[in-house]
Amino acid sequence: MVRKIVLCFIVWASALSSSARDIPECVRVKLDSMIDDGLKCRAFPGASLVVGDRDGIRYARHYGCHDYSGKRPVADGDLFDVASCTKVLSTTFAVMRLYDQGKLKVMEAVGRYLPELAATPVGGISLRELLTHTSGLRAQVFYTPLVRNAAGGSMFSGKRTAAYPHQVGKNYYVAGEIAYDTAYLCSTSRPGWRQAADDLYVNPAVDTLILGQIVRDYKPARRGSYLYSDTNFLLLKMIVERVSGRPLDELTRELFAELDCTDTYYNPLQYRDKRNCLPTETDYILGRGTVQGYVHDELGALMGGVGGNAGLFTTARDMARFCEMILGGGTYAGRQVLTRKTVELFTESPYTEQGVWRGLGFDKRDPKTGELGGETRFGHTGFTGTIFWMDSRTGVYMVFLTNAVHPTRVNNKLNASMLRTKIWETLCCMPDSSGSF
């Protein structure tokens, strides 16, 4: 099987673009070698890499195949589930546009835009706190009340047994047969219900259930401390849709059209064939089978594929255009997509005195933590094995997409290898030592 993967790499890891200002040959060789090593050790079946700067793409390649069968090489136009990169590419992008238009303010409270939360402690949280993960809202498992062990007993076990055959985490196994709360989940289509897989549909009434769980769980004493949580971006999605009067997926497609992007979607099966989407995990928690063309993330699935935290599918090339726009101060191809002032505001870290380096939506790292860190460096990572990162000082960016969670999230080889960080470090240590091309 490894031989198939290596052959796939050799045949299909072809350059997609060239330029008079390509990155040095020695850097290209090192990048290819590191990614090839990732394929050989089965850290991921397939990947796409784009490296560029404000003026365009300088190096781009595909690697490997959609899965470990080696039958379908990664090719132009193939879509990756970018997981939490959605937080920036979609939700934050939309917030930035609405901020530019004067339709919302980052220092305003959640309750201003979601009146149903105004009388709760959650309603007092500011949008800036949501964007920087300093709201105190914890990450939660929202599907817990919706699925159960069909045989009775606990849904999960610390040991693999005949009754708990499927591993979904370290020393964490799920029941072999699950059952749905049919008031919220079912395997057949119902009018008005959201589709989360070929055979899974979600009642939109789940939103009320989730909001209630958020309010009950919130402890204001946690507010002000850094606590990474998808819940922040669930609320931001609701705010964006309430303020704009439009669904987030529709608004996102419009924003990316301004970047000349044609391969960026939520729910890509509405636009593309399933075979154009790289598969992610075989899902035993919601019983979706091998997830392909539907969002991997469970919260995103409950949102019908359109999550503020996850759900976007795209290509490395489309993500590169977003990076070029941000590095251009909001300008792309001569068009002002966002104002420079807004880009600067959202890519700054407002809470460094409290030891929090997050930007508004954008992930940033303490300069002491390595090459990803720095006042001018930012981007985001995704659980499926994705990253985009850039440096506003040098103008350099990278996009690296994989489906490392295929066929299981238990595979931790990509994280253990620190490959995403090493790719960026390689770009920062190019021969001229300037970090630029």
Protein backbone atom coordinates (compact mmCIF):
# COMPACT_ATOMS: atom_id res chain seq x y z
CA MET A 1 0.00 0.00 0.00
CA VAL A 2 2.85 2.40 0.82
CA ARG A 3 4.27 1.70 -2.65
CA LYS A 4 0.99 2.84 -4.20
CA ILE A 5 1.05 6.08 -2.22
CA VAL A 6 4.65 6.87 -3.17
CA LEU A 7 3.92 6.13 -6.84
CA CYS A 8 0.89 8.39 -6.63
CA PHE A 9 3.12 11.13 -5.24
CA ILE A 10 5.75 10.73 -7.96
CA VAL A 11 3.25 10.79 -10.80
CA TRP A 12 0.87 13.44 -9.53
CA ALA A 13 2.92 15.88 -7.43
CA SER A 14 3.22 18.13 -10.46
CA ALA A 15 3.83 21.86 -10.32
CA LEU A 16 0.72 23.95 -10.90
CA SER A 17 2.33 27.33 -11.49
CA SER A 18 5.66 28.92 -12.18
CA SER A 19 7.04 32.42 -12.00
CA ALA A 20 10.18 34.39 -12.59
CA ARG A 21 10.23 34.71 -8.81
CA ASP A 22 9.74 31.05 -7.90
CA ILE A 23 11.05 29.95 -4.53
CA PRO A 24 14.61 28.56 -4.62
CA GLU A 25 15.05 25.01 -5.90
CA CYS A 26 16.60 23.84 -2.62
CA VAL A 27 13.48 25.01 -0.75
CA ARG A 28 11.14 23.27 -3.20
CA VAL A 29 13.09 20.04 -2.82
CA LYS A 30 12.91 20.26 0.98
CA LEU A 31 9.17 20.98 0.96
CA ASP A 32 8.46 18.08 -1.38
CA SER A 33 10.64 15.76 0.68
CA MET A 34 8.89 16.61 3.95
CA ILE A 35 5.43 16.14 2.44
CA ASP A 36 6.53 12.91 0.74
CA ASP A 37 7.63 11.65 4.17
CA GLY A 38 4.14 12.46 5.46
CA LEU A 39 2.61 10.34 2.72
CA LYS A 40 4.97 7.45 3.38
CA CYS A 41 4.16 7.31 7.09
CA ARG A 42 0.42 7.60 6.34
CA ALA A 43 -0.01 10.91 8.13
CA PHE A 44 -2.54 11.75 5.39
CA PRO A 45 -3.63 10.27 2.03
CA GLY A 46 -3.54 13.48 0.01
CA ALA A 47 -2.53 17.12 0.18
CA SER A 48 -2.25 20.41 -1.68
CA LEU A 49 0.37 23.10 -1.07
CA VAL A 50 0.47 26.69 -2.27
CA VAL A 51 3.22 29.15 -1.37
CA GLY A 52 3.08 32.77 -2.46
CA ASP A 53 3.31 36.43 -1.61
CA ARG A 54 1.30 39.61 -2.15
CA ASP A 55 1.94 39.42 -5.89
CA GLY A 56 0.75 35.88 -6.45
CA ILE A 57 1.49 32.17 -6.25
CA ARG A 58 5.17 31.17 -6.34
CA TYR A 59 4.87 27.41 -5.92
CA ALA A 60 1.93 24.99 -5.94
CA ARG A 61 1.68 21.22 -5.97
CA HIS A 62 -0.71 18.37 -5.28
CA TYR A 63 0.44 15.27 -3.42
CA GLY A 64 -0.94 11.78 -2.97
CA CYS A 65 -4.49 10.57 -3.48
CA HIS A 66 -7.97 10.95 -2.04
CA ASP A 67 -7.63 7.81 0.07
CA TYR A 68 -5.20 4.98 0.73
CA SER A 69 -6.45 2.90 -2.18
CA GLY A 70 -4.33 5.15 -4.41
CA LYS A 71 -7.02 5.14 -7.11
CA ARG A 72 -7.80 8.87 -7.38
CA PRO A 73 -4.89 11.36 -7.29
CA VAL A 74 -5.48 14.82 -5.84
CA ALA A 75 -6.06 17.17 -8.77
CA ASP A 76 -6.97 20.76 -9.62
CA GLY A 77 -10.42 21.65 -8.31
CA ASP A 78 -10.56 18.89 -5.70
CA LEU A 79 -12.15 20.19 -2.52
CA PHE A 80 -10.87 19.86 1.05
CA ASP A 81 -12.97 20.22 4.20
CA VAL A 82 -10.92 22.97 5.87
CA ALA A 83 -12.53 22.57 9.31
CA SER A 84 -11.73 25.49 11.67
CA CYS A 85 -10.10 27.53 8.91
CA THR A 86 -13.79 28.28 8.27
CA LYS A 87 -13.69 30.54 11.32
CA VAL A 88 -11.55 33.03 9.40
CA LEU A 89 -12.34 32.32 5.75
CA SER A 90 -16.09 32.58 6.24
CA THR A 91 -17.30 33.90 9.59
CA THR A 92 -14.55 36.43 10.31
CA PHE A 93 -14.51 37.54 6.66
CA ALA A 94 -18.26 38.22 6.91
CA VAL A 95 -17.85 40.06 10.23
CA MET A 96 -15.12 42.22 8.65
CA ARG A 97 -17.41 43.13 5.75
CA LEU A 98 -20.29 44.03 8.08
CA TYR A 99 -17.88 46.05 10.24
CA ASP A 100 -16.71 47.92 7.13
CA GLN A 101 -20.33 48.66 6.28
CA GLY A 102 -20.99 50.02 9.77
CA LYS A 103 -23.59 47.33 10.45
CA LEU A 104 -21.93 45.96 13.57
CA LYS A 105 -19.31 46.96 16.12
CA VAL A 106 -16.84 44.58 17.70
CA MET A 107 -17.18 46.20 21.13
CA GLU A 108 -20.97 45.77 21.15
CA ALA A 109 -22.56 43.04 23.23
CA VAL A 110 -24.06 39.85 21.86
CA GLY A 111 -27.46 40.84 23.27
CA ARG A 112 -27.53 43.89 21.00
CA TYR A 113 -27.73 41.62 17.96
CA LEU A 114 -29.41 38.55 19.52
CA PRO A 115 -32.14 40.03 21.76
CA GLU A 116 -33.21 36.57 22.93
CA LEU A 117 -29.90 36.43 24.84
CA ALA A 118 -29.95 40.02 26.13
CA ALA A 119 -31.24 39.09 29.59
CA THR A 120 -28.67 36.32 30.06
CA PRO A 121 -24.99 36.58 31.05
CA VAL A 122 -24.10 35.42 27.51
CA GLY A 123 -25.77 38.54 26.17
CA GLY A 124 -23.16 40.73 27.85
CA ILE A 125 -20.21 39.19 25.99
CA SER A 126 -18.68 41.46 23.34
CA LEU A 127 -18.10 40.42 19.75
CA ARG A 128 -14.39 41.07 20.29
CA GLU A 129 -14.39 38.52 23.09
CA LEU A 130 -16.07 35.98 20.82
CA LEU A 131 -13.52 36.63 18.06
CA THR A 132 -10.54 36.27 20.42
CA HIS A 133 -11.89 33.29 22.40
CA THR A 134 -11.85 35.32 25.62
CA SER A 135 -15.61 35.13 26.22
CA GLY A 136 -15.35 32.29 28.73
CA LEU A 137 -17.69 30.12 26.66
CA ARG A 138 -16.53 26.51 26.83
CA ALA A 139 -16.34 24.03 24.00
CA GLN A 140 -19.32 21.70 24.30
CA VAL A 141 -20.48 18.42 22.81
CA PHE A 142 -23.91 19.41 21.54
CA TYR A 143 -24.85 16.04 20.06
CA THR A 144 -24.90 14.25 23.44
CA PRO A 145 -28.68 14.57 24.03
CA LEU A 146 -29.44 13.57 20.44
CA VAL A 147 -27.84 10.12 20.16
CA ARG A 148 -27.73 7.14 22.49
CA ASN A 149 -26.51 3.58 22.72
CA ALA A 150 -29.23 1.53 21.01
CA ALA A 151 -28.49 -1.39 23.35
CA GLY A 152 -28.82 0.79 26.45
CA GLY A 153 -26.04 1.87 28.76
CA SER A 154 -23.31 4.38 28.11
CA MET A 155 -22.63 5.77 24.65
CA PHE A 156 -18.85 5.54 25.18
CA SER A 157 -16.40 3.22 26.92
CA GLY A 158 -12.75 3.37 27.91
CA LYS A 159 -12.15 -0.11 26.50
CA ARG A 160 -12.71 -1.75 23.12
CA THR A 161 -15.22 -4.60 23.45
CA ALA A 162 -17.73 -6.31 21.19
CA ALA A 163 -20.29 -3.74 22.34
CA TYR A 164 -17.88 -0.82 21.85
CA PRO A 165 -15.91 -1.70 18.70
CA HIS A 166 -15.15 1.71 17.21
CA GLN A 167 -12.29 3.88 18.46
CA VAL A 168 -12.99 7.62 18.32
CA GLY A 169 -10.23 8.89 20.60
CA LYS A 170 -7.39 7.80 22.86
CA ASN A 171 -8.87 5.07 25.09
CA TYR A 172 -12.30 6.14 23.87
CA TYR A 173 -14.71 3.82 22.07
CA VAL A 174 -18.28 4.30 20.85
CA ALA A 175 -21.17 1.85 20.96
CA GLY A 176 -21.56 -0.41 17.94
CA GLU A 177 -25.21 0.53 17.45
CA ILE A 178 -26.58 4.03 18.03
CA ALA A 179 -30.11 5.40 18.04
CA TYR A 180 -31.35 8.93 17.36
CA ASP A 181 -33.71 11.14 19.28
CA THR A 182 -36.12 11.27 16.35
CA ALA A 183 -37.50 14.63 17.45
CA TYR A 184 -34.21 16.10 16.22
CA LEU A 185 -32.43 13.53 14.02
CA CYS A 186 -33.71 11.02 11.49
CA SER A 187 -32.43 8.99 8.55
CA THR A 188 -35.09 10.12 6.06
CA SER A 189 -35.81 13.55 4.63
CA ARG A 190 -38.49 15.67 6.28
CA PRO A 191 -39.81 19.04 5.07
CA GLY A 192 -37.67 21.90 6.37
CA TRP A 193 -35.05 19.66 7.97
CA ARG A 194 -31.34 20.15 7.27
CA GLN A 195 -29.30 17.49 5.53
CA ALA A 196 -26.12 16.42 7.35
CA ALA A 197 -25.30 13.28 5.33
CA ASP A 198 -26.84 11.04 2.70
CA ASP A 199 -28.97 9.44 5.42
CA LEU A 200 -29.04 12.01 8.23
CA TYR A 201 -31.39 14.97 8.61
CA VAL A 202 -31.55 17.54 11.42
CA ASN A 203 -34.55 19.41 12.80
CA PRO A 204 -33.72 23.17 12.90
CA ALA A 205 -35.36 23.18 16.35
CA VAL A 206 -32.00 21.87 17.55
CA ASP A 207 -30.82 25.51 17.54
CA THR A 208 -33.06 26.30 20.52
CA LEU A 209 -31.75 23.22 22.32
CA ILE A 210 -28.16 24.31 21.69
CA LEU A 211 -28.73 27.91 22.79
CA GLY A 212 -30.28 26.69 26.02
CA GLN A 213 -27.28 24.47 26.66
CA ILE A 214 -24.90 27.39 26.03
CA VAL A 215 -26.73 29.67 28.47
CA ARG A 216 -26.96 27.01 31.19
CA ASP A 217 -23.29 26.10 30.94
CA TYR A 218 -21.87 29.65 30.92
CA LYS A 219 -19.90 30.83 33.95
CA PRO A 220 -19.08 34.58 33.76
CA ALA A 221 -16.07 34.00 36.04
CA ARG A 222 -14.30 32.44 33.05
CA ARG A 223 -14.72 35.61 31.00
CA GLY A 224 -11.47 37.33 30.04
CA SER A 225 -9.37 34.17 30.02
CA TYR A 226 -8.33 32.48 26.78
CA LEU A 227 -10.51 29.43 26.15
CA TYR A 228 -10.67 28.19 22.55
CA SER A 229 -14.24 27.23 21.74
CA ASP A 230 -16.37 26.62 18.65
CA THR A 231 -19.28 28.06 20.62
CA ASN A 232 -17.93 31.57 20.03
CA PHE A 233 -18.23 31.14 16.29
CA LEU A 234 -21.65 29.53 16.49
CA LEU A 235 -22.87 32.78 18.06
CA LEU A 236 -20.95 34.88 15.53
CA LYS A 237 -22.64 32.99 12.70
CA MET A 238 -26.03 33.76 14.23
CA ILE A 239 -25.08 37.43 14.54
CA VAL A 240 -23.85 37.65 10.95
CA GLU A 241 -27.06 36.13 9.64
CA ARG A 242 -29.25 38.31 11.86
CA VAL A 243 -27.46 41.55 10.92
CA SER A 244 -27.10 40.83 7.20
CA GLY A 245 -30.46 39.14 6.79
CA ARG A 246 -28.78 36.45 4.71
CA PRO A 247 -27.54 32.88 5.27
CA LEU A 248 -23.81 32.64 5.97
CA ASP A 249 -23.20 30.28 3.06
CA GLU A 250 -24.76 32.72 0.60
CA LEU A 251 -22.79 35.66 1.98
CA THR A 252 -19.55 33.66 1.89
CA ARG A 253 -20.00 32.68 -1.76
CA GLU A 254 -20.55 36.34 -2.61
CA LEU A 255 -17.41 37.43 -0.74
CA PHE A 256 -15.24 34.79 -2.41
CA ALA A 257 -16.64 35.71 -5.82
CA GLU A 258 -15.02 39.11 -5.26
CA LEU A 259 -11.71 37.22 -5.07
CA ASP A 260 -12.42 35.44 -8.40
CA CYS A 261 -12.86 32.17 -6.49
CA THR A 262 -15.01 29.46 -8.05
CA ASP A 263 -14.25 26.50 -5.77
CA THR A 264 -15.33 27.64 -2.31
CA TYR A 265 -18.59 26.35 -0.89
CA TYR A 266 -20.53 25.16 2.07
CA ASN A 267 -22.39 21.94 1.24
CA PRO A 268 -20.36 21.36 -1.92
CA LEU A 269 -22.57 18.53 -3.17
CA GLN A 270 -25.07 21.19 -4.20
CA TYR A 271 -22.51 22.32 -6.78
CA ARG A 272 -20.01 19.51 -7.37
CA ASP A 273 -19.82 15.73 -7.61
CA LYS A 274 -18.91 13.80 -4.46
CA ARG A 275 -15.83 12.37 -6.19
CA ASN A 276 -14.37 15.92 -6.29
CA CYS A 277 -14.35 16.04 -2.47
CA LEU A 278 -11.63 14.36 -0.43
CA PRO A 279 -13.15 12.04 2.19
CA THR A 280 -12.64 12.64 5.89
CA GLU A 281 -13.57 10.35 8.74
CA THR A 282 -15.70 7.24 8.96
CA ASP A 283 -18.21 8.64 11.45
CA TYR A 284 -19.46 6.24 14.12
CA ILE A 285 -20.75 8.95 16.49
CA LEU A 286 -23.55 10.28 14.28
CA GLY A 287 -23.61 7.14 12.16
CA ARG A 288 -22.84 8.87 8.87
CA GLY A 289 -20.40 6.31 7.46
CA THR A 290 -17.44 7.68 5.49
CA VAL A 291 -17.99 11.43 5.35
CA GLN A 292 -17.40 12.82 1.86
CA GLY A 293 -18.82 16.10 0.63
CA TYR A 294 -20.43 16.77 4.01
CA VAL A 295 -18.82 18.62 6.91
CA HIS A 296 -16.74 16.42 9.21
CA ASP A 297 -17.38 18.49 12.35
CA GLU A 298 -20.40 17.36 14.40
CA LEU A 299 -21.56 20.88 15.31
CA GLY A 300 -21.30 21.87 11.67
CA ALA A 301 -23.38 18.81 10.80
CA LEU A 302 -26.12 19.87 13.23
CA MET A 303 -26.13 23.23 11.44
CA GLY A 304 -26.86 21.44 8.17
CA GLY A 305 -23.28 21.86 6.98
CA VAL A 306 -23.20 25.65 7.42
CA GLY A 307 -21.30 26.24 10.64
CA GLY A 308 -19.63 29.38 11.89
CA ASN A 309 -16.86 27.16 13.19
CA ALA A 310 -16.56 24.62 10.34
CA GLY A 311 -18.15 23.50 7.10
CA LEU A 312 -16.32 25.33 4.33
CA PHE A 313 -14.87 23.32 1.43
CA THR A 314 -12.30 24.92 -0.84
CA THR A 315 -9.00 24.55 -2.68
CA ALA A 316 -5.52 25.75 -1.80
CA ARG A 317 -5.64 28.08 -4.79
CA ASP A 318 -8.83 29.81 -3.63
CA MET A 319 -7.41 30.15 -0.12
CA ALA A 320 -4.28 31.69 -1.63
CA ARG A 321 -6.40 34.48 -3.09
CA PHE A 322 -7.80 35.22 0.35
CA CYS A 323 -4.25 35.42 1.76
CA GLU A 324 -3.19 37.77 -1.03
CA MET A 325 -6.18 40.01 -0.31
CA ILE A 326 -5.37 40.20 3.41
CA LEU A 327 -1.67 40.84 2.71
CA GLY A 328 -2.71 43.51 0.22
CA GLY A 329 -4.50 45.44 2.94
CA GLY A 330 -7.92 44.31 1.76
CA THR A 331 -7.22 44.80 -1.95
CA TYR A 332 -7.30 42.02 -4.53
CA ALA A 333 -6.64 42.47 -8.26
CA GLY A 334 -7.07 46.20 -7.87
CA ARG A 335 -10.44 45.86 -6.10
CA GLN A 336 -10.98 47.04 -2.53
CA VAL A 337 -12.66 44.07 -0.83
CA LEU A 338 -12.04 45.27 2.74
CA THR A 339 -10.58 48.52 4.04
CA ARG A 340 -6.97 48.50 5.19
CA LYS A 341 -8.08 49.83 8.58
CA THR A 342 -10.35 46.82 9.09
CA VAL A 343 -7.66 44.33 8.05
CA GLU A 344 -5.21 45.91 10.48
CA LEU A 345 -7.76 45.89 13.32
CA PHE A 346 -8.65 42.22 12.91
CA THR A 347 -5.06 41.01 12.53
CA GLU A 348 -3.84 42.81 15.66
CA SER A 349 -3.80 41.20 19.11
CA PRO A 350 -5.79 43.36 21.56
CA TYR A 351 -5.08 41.30 24.70
CA THR A 352 -1.32 40.75 24.68
CA GLU A 353 -1.00 42.38 28.12
CA GLN A 354 -3.15 39.53 29.44
CA GLY A 355 -0.95 37.01 27.64
CA VAL A 356 -3.47 36.35 24.84
CA TRP A 357 -2.05 36.69 21.33
CA ARG A 358 -5.17 35.91 19.30
CA GLY A 359 -6.28 38.36 16.67
CA LEU A 360 -9.94 39.02 15.92
CA GLY A 361 -10.80 35.68 14.34
CA PHE A 362 -7.23 35.13 13.19
CA ASP A 363 -4.96 32.79 15.12
CA LYS A 364 -1.75 34.45 16.28
CA ARG A 365 1.05 33.07 18.44
CA ASP A 366 3.40 34.51 21.03
CA PRO A 367 6.72 35.39 19.33
CA LYS A 368 8.46 33.19 21.91
CA THR A 369 6.68 30.05 20.69
CA GLY A 370 8.60 29.56 17.42
CA GLU A 371 8.35 30.49 13.77
CA LEU A 372 4.53 30.60 13.70
CA GLY A 373 4.69 33.26 16.39
CA GLY A 374 5.16 36.96 15.84
CA GLU A 375 3.28 40.24 15.80
CA THR A 376 2.98 40.20 12.00
CA ARG A 377 2.23 36.48 11.54
CA PHE A 378 -1.26 35.00 11.60
CA GLY A 379 -3.65 32.53 9.99
CA HIS A 380 -5.54 29.47 11.24
CA THR A 381 -5.39 25.69 11.42
CA GLY A 382 -8.10 23.07 10.94
CA PHE A 383 -8.76 19.75 12.69
CA THR A 384 -8.94 17.84 9.40
CA GLY A 385 -5.25 18.66 8.81
CA THR A 386 -5.25 22.12 7.26
CA ILE A 387 -3.47 25.44 7.72
CA PHE A 388 -2.98 28.83 6.14
CA TRP A 389 -0.39 31.21 7.57
CA MET A 390 1.05 34.54 6.47
CA ASP A 391 3.43 37.31 7.48
CA SER A 392 2.30 40.87 6.79
CA ARG A 393 5.88 42.16 7.10
CA THR A 394 7.42 39.97 4.39
CA GLY A 395 4.20 39.38 2.45
CA VAL A 396 4.80 35.60 2.36
CA TYR A 397 1.99 33.09 2.86
CA MET A 398 1.43 29.33 2.74
CA VAL A 399 -1.65 27.15 2.36
CA PHE A 400 -1.35 23.44 3.15
CA LEU A 401 -4.44 21.23 3.00
CA THR A 402 -4.73 17.54 3.88
CA ASN A 403 -7.42 15.04 4.86
CA ALA A 404 -5.40 13.64 7.76
CA VAL A 405 -8.52 12.48 9.63
CA HIS A 406 -9.25 9.92 6.90
CA PRO A 407 -10.27 7.32 7.78
CA THR A 408 -10.07 8.15 11.50
CA ARG A 409 -9.33 11.10 13.76
CA VAL A 410 -7.28 8.76 15.94
CA ASN A 411 -4.44 9.22 13.45
CA ASN A 412 -2.24 11.84 15.14
CA LYS A 413 0.79 11.52 12.86
CA LEU A 414 0.35 14.92 11.20
CA ASN A 415 0.25 16.72 14.53
CA ALA A 416 3.07 14.62 15.98
CA SER A 417 5.31 15.36 13.00
CA MET A 418 4.64 19.11 13.28
CA LEU A 419 4.74 19.13 9.47
CA ARG A 420 2.55 22.21 9.11
CA THR A 421 4.87 24.20 11.36
CA LYS A 422 7.97 22.81 9.62
CA ILE A 423 6.71 23.93 6.21
CA TRP A 424 6.37 27.47 7.52
CA GLU A 425 9.77 27.32 9.22
CA THR A 426 11.33 26.25 5.92
CA LEU A 427 9.86 29.30 4.20
CA CYS A 428 11.10 31.57 6.98
CA CYS A 429 14.65 30.20 6.65
CA MET A 430 15.13 30.52 2.90
CA PRO A 431 18.70 31.09 1.65
CA ASP A 432 18.53 34.88 1.59
CA SER A 433 17.32 34.79 5.24
CA SER A 434 14.80 37.53 4.51
CA GLY A 435 11.74 35.30 4.55
CA SER A 436 10.72 36.76 1.20
CA PHE A 437 11.05 35.66 -2.40
